């Protein structure tokens, strides 16, 4: 049975790519495109893991991660092109409640989900969702 995933992503194209790549391994039980929607959806769905795209938000990603961790027991995996694991921003995300930070690369559409990065994302989400 696939893990239940809450997808928090403000970029529609990336959201569709993530849903397509994660289909089968994860059942998307909710999506959110704004901070308020993310909080409300995290409260209302039973997710095994939350995938949070930490880029392009109009609020601090760290603040939203902290709020999400207060309203949901699901582990949060932060996806970011700006906060590599071990960086100050990455550490701040971990300290605010993210279970892990996964780099997504840089560029106009920075995430290639067909190869190694896609496999790394699925593996990281699976680890986070596994009790």
Protein backbone atom coordinates (compact mmCIF):
# COMPACT_ATOMS: atom_id res chain seq x y z
CA UNK A 1 0.00 0.00 0.00
CA UNK A 2 1.48 3.37 -0.98
CA UNK A 3 2.39 5.94 1.63
CA UNK A 4 0.04 8.93 1.97
CA UNK A 5 1.72 12.15 0.83
CA UNK A 6 0.79 15.78 1.35
CA UNK A 7 2.40 17.85 -1.42
CA UNK A 8 3.07 21.49 -0.56
CA UNK A 9 4.28 23.24 -3.71
CA UNK A 10 3.42 26.71 -5.01
CA UNK A 11 4.63 26.02 -8.59
CA UNK A 12 2.03 24.21 -10.71
CA UNK A 13 4.42 22.65 -13.26
CA UNK A 14 6.70 21.26 -10.57
CA UNK A 15 3.68 19.99 -8.62
CA UNK A 16 2.52 18.00 -11.68
CA UNK A 17 6.02 16.60 -12.24
CA UNK A 18 6.27 15.53 -8.61
CA UNK A 19 2.83 13.90 -8.66
CA UNK A 20 3.67 11.99 -11.84
CA UNK A 21 7.05 10.80 -10.53
CA UNK A 22 5.74 9.77 -7.13
CA UNK A 23 2.61 7.98 -8.39
CA UNK A 24 2.61 4.35 -7.36
CA UNK A 25 4.97 4.71 -4.42
CA UNK A 26 2.87 7.49 -2.87
CA UNK A 27 -0.80 8.33 -2.75
CA UNK A 28 -1.19 12.12 -2.82
CA UNK A 29 -3.89 12.77 -0.21
CA UNK A 30 -3.67 16.54 -0.41
CA UNK A 31 -1.98 19.42 -2.15
CA UNK A 32 -1.43 23.01 -1.11
CA UNK A 33 -0.22 26.02 -3.07
CA UNK A 34 -0.33 28.74 -0.41
CA UNK A 35 0.88 28.88 3.20
CA UNK A 36 -2.67 29.10 4.60
CA UNK A 37 -3.78 26.20 2.42
CA UNK A 38 -0.74 24.19 3.55
CA UNK A 39 -1.65 24.64 7.23
CA UNK A 40 -5.34 23.86 6.67
CA UNK A 41 -4.61 20.81 4.53
CA UNK A 42 -2.00 19.48 6.97
CA UNK A 43 -4.65 19.66 9.70
CA UNK A 44 -7.34 17.95 7.64
CA UNK A 45 -5.58 15.02 5.93
CA UNK A 46 -3.83 11.98 7.34
CA UNK A 47 -0.44 12.00 5.66
CA UNK A 48 2.48 9.69 6.29
CA UNK A 49 4.90 12.32 4.97
CA UNK A 50 4.82 15.93 3.78
CA UNK A 51 6.87 16.98 0.76
CA UNK A 52 7.48 20.72 1.03
CA UNK A 53 8.99 22.65 -1.87
CA UNK A 54 10.86 25.30 0.10
CA UNK A 55 11.52 27.60 -2.88
CA UNK A 56 9.44 30.51 -4.22
CA UNK A 57 7.28 31.09 -1.14
CA UNK A 58 6.37 34.60 -0.05
CA UNK A 59 6.97 33.59 3.56
CA UNK A 60 10.09 32.15 5.12
CA UNK A 61 10.27 28.43 4.45
CA UNK A 62 11.60 27.89 7.97
CA UNK A 63 8.52 29.54 9.50
CA UNK A 64 6.13 27.48 7.39
CA UNK A 65 7.96 24.25 8.24
CA UNK A 66 7.64 25.10 11.94
CA UNK A 67 3.90 25.75 11.56
CA UNK A 68 3.39 22.54 9.60
CA UNK A 69 5.21 20.53 12.25
CA UNK A 70 2.87 21.96 14.90
CA UNK A 71 -0.33 20.91 13.10
CA UNK A 72 0.76 17.55 11.70
CA UNK A 73 2.75 14.63 13.08
CA UNK A 74 3.83 13.66 9.56
CA UNK A 75 7.56 14.03 8.90
CA UNK A 76 8.43 16.90 6.57
CA UNK A 77 10.91 16.55 3.73
CA UNK A 78 12.05 19.94 2.38
CA UNK A 79 12.97 20.15 -1.29
CA UNK A 80 15.16 23.15 -2.12
CA UNK A 81 17.51 24.53 -4.72
CA UNK A 82 18.83 27.08 -2.20
CA UNK A 83 19.37 25.03 0.94
CA UNK A 84 21.73 22.13 0.50
CA UNK A 85 22.04 19.65 3.37
CA UNK A 86 24.54 21.06 5.84
CA UNK A 87 24.12 24.68 4.69
CA UNK A 88 22.91 27.32 7.14
CA UNK A 89 19.51 27.40 5.44
CA UNK A 90 19.34 23.60 5.43
CA UNK A 91 20.24 23.40 9.11
CA UNK A 92 17.60 26.05 9.90
CA UNK A 93 14.97 23.94 8.10
CA UNK A 94 15.99 20.88 10.11
CA UNK A 95 15.88 22.84 13.35
CA UNK A 96 12.39 24.13 12.51
CA UNK A 97 11.02 20.61 12.05
CA UNK A 98 12.02 19.18 8.67
CA UNK A 99 13.19 15.56 8.83
CA UNK A 100 15.54 16.09 5.89
CA UNK A 101 16.48 18.51 3.12
CA UNK A 102 16.83 17.23 -0.44
CA UNK A 103 18.54 19.38 -3.09
CA UNK A 104 16.61 19.84 -6.32
CA UNK A 105 19.18 21.64 -8.47
CA UNK A 106 18.99 25.05 -10.07
CA UNK A 107 17.54 26.59 -13.19
CA UNK A 108 14.18 27.41 -14.74
CA UNK A 109 12.84 23.90 -14.12
CA UNK A 110 15.49 22.54 -11.80
CA UNK A 111 14.19 19.10 -11.02
CA UNK A 112 14.95 16.18 -13.31
CA UNK A 113 12.88 13.40 -11.81
CA UNK A 114 13.62 10.72 -14.39
CA UNK A 115 16.99 9.59 -13.13
CA UNK A 116 19.09 9.53 -10.00
CA UNK A 117 17.48 12.64 -8.45
CA UNK A 118 14.02 11.13 -8.80
CA UNK A 119 15.21 7.90 -7.20
CA UNK A 120 16.89 9.87 -4.41
CA UNK A 121 13.66 11.78 -3.74
CA UNK A 122 11.55 8.60 -3.63
CA UNK A 123 14.08 6.95 -1.29
CA UNK A 124 14.20 9.99 1.02
CA UNK A 125 10.40 10.20 1.17
CA UNK A 126 10.13 6.47 1.84
CA UNK A 127 12.67 6.70 4.68
CA UNK A 128 10.83 9.68 6.17
CA UNK A 129 7.43 7.94 5.94
CA UNK A 130 8.63 4.65 7.41
CA UNK A 131 8.00 4.53 11.17
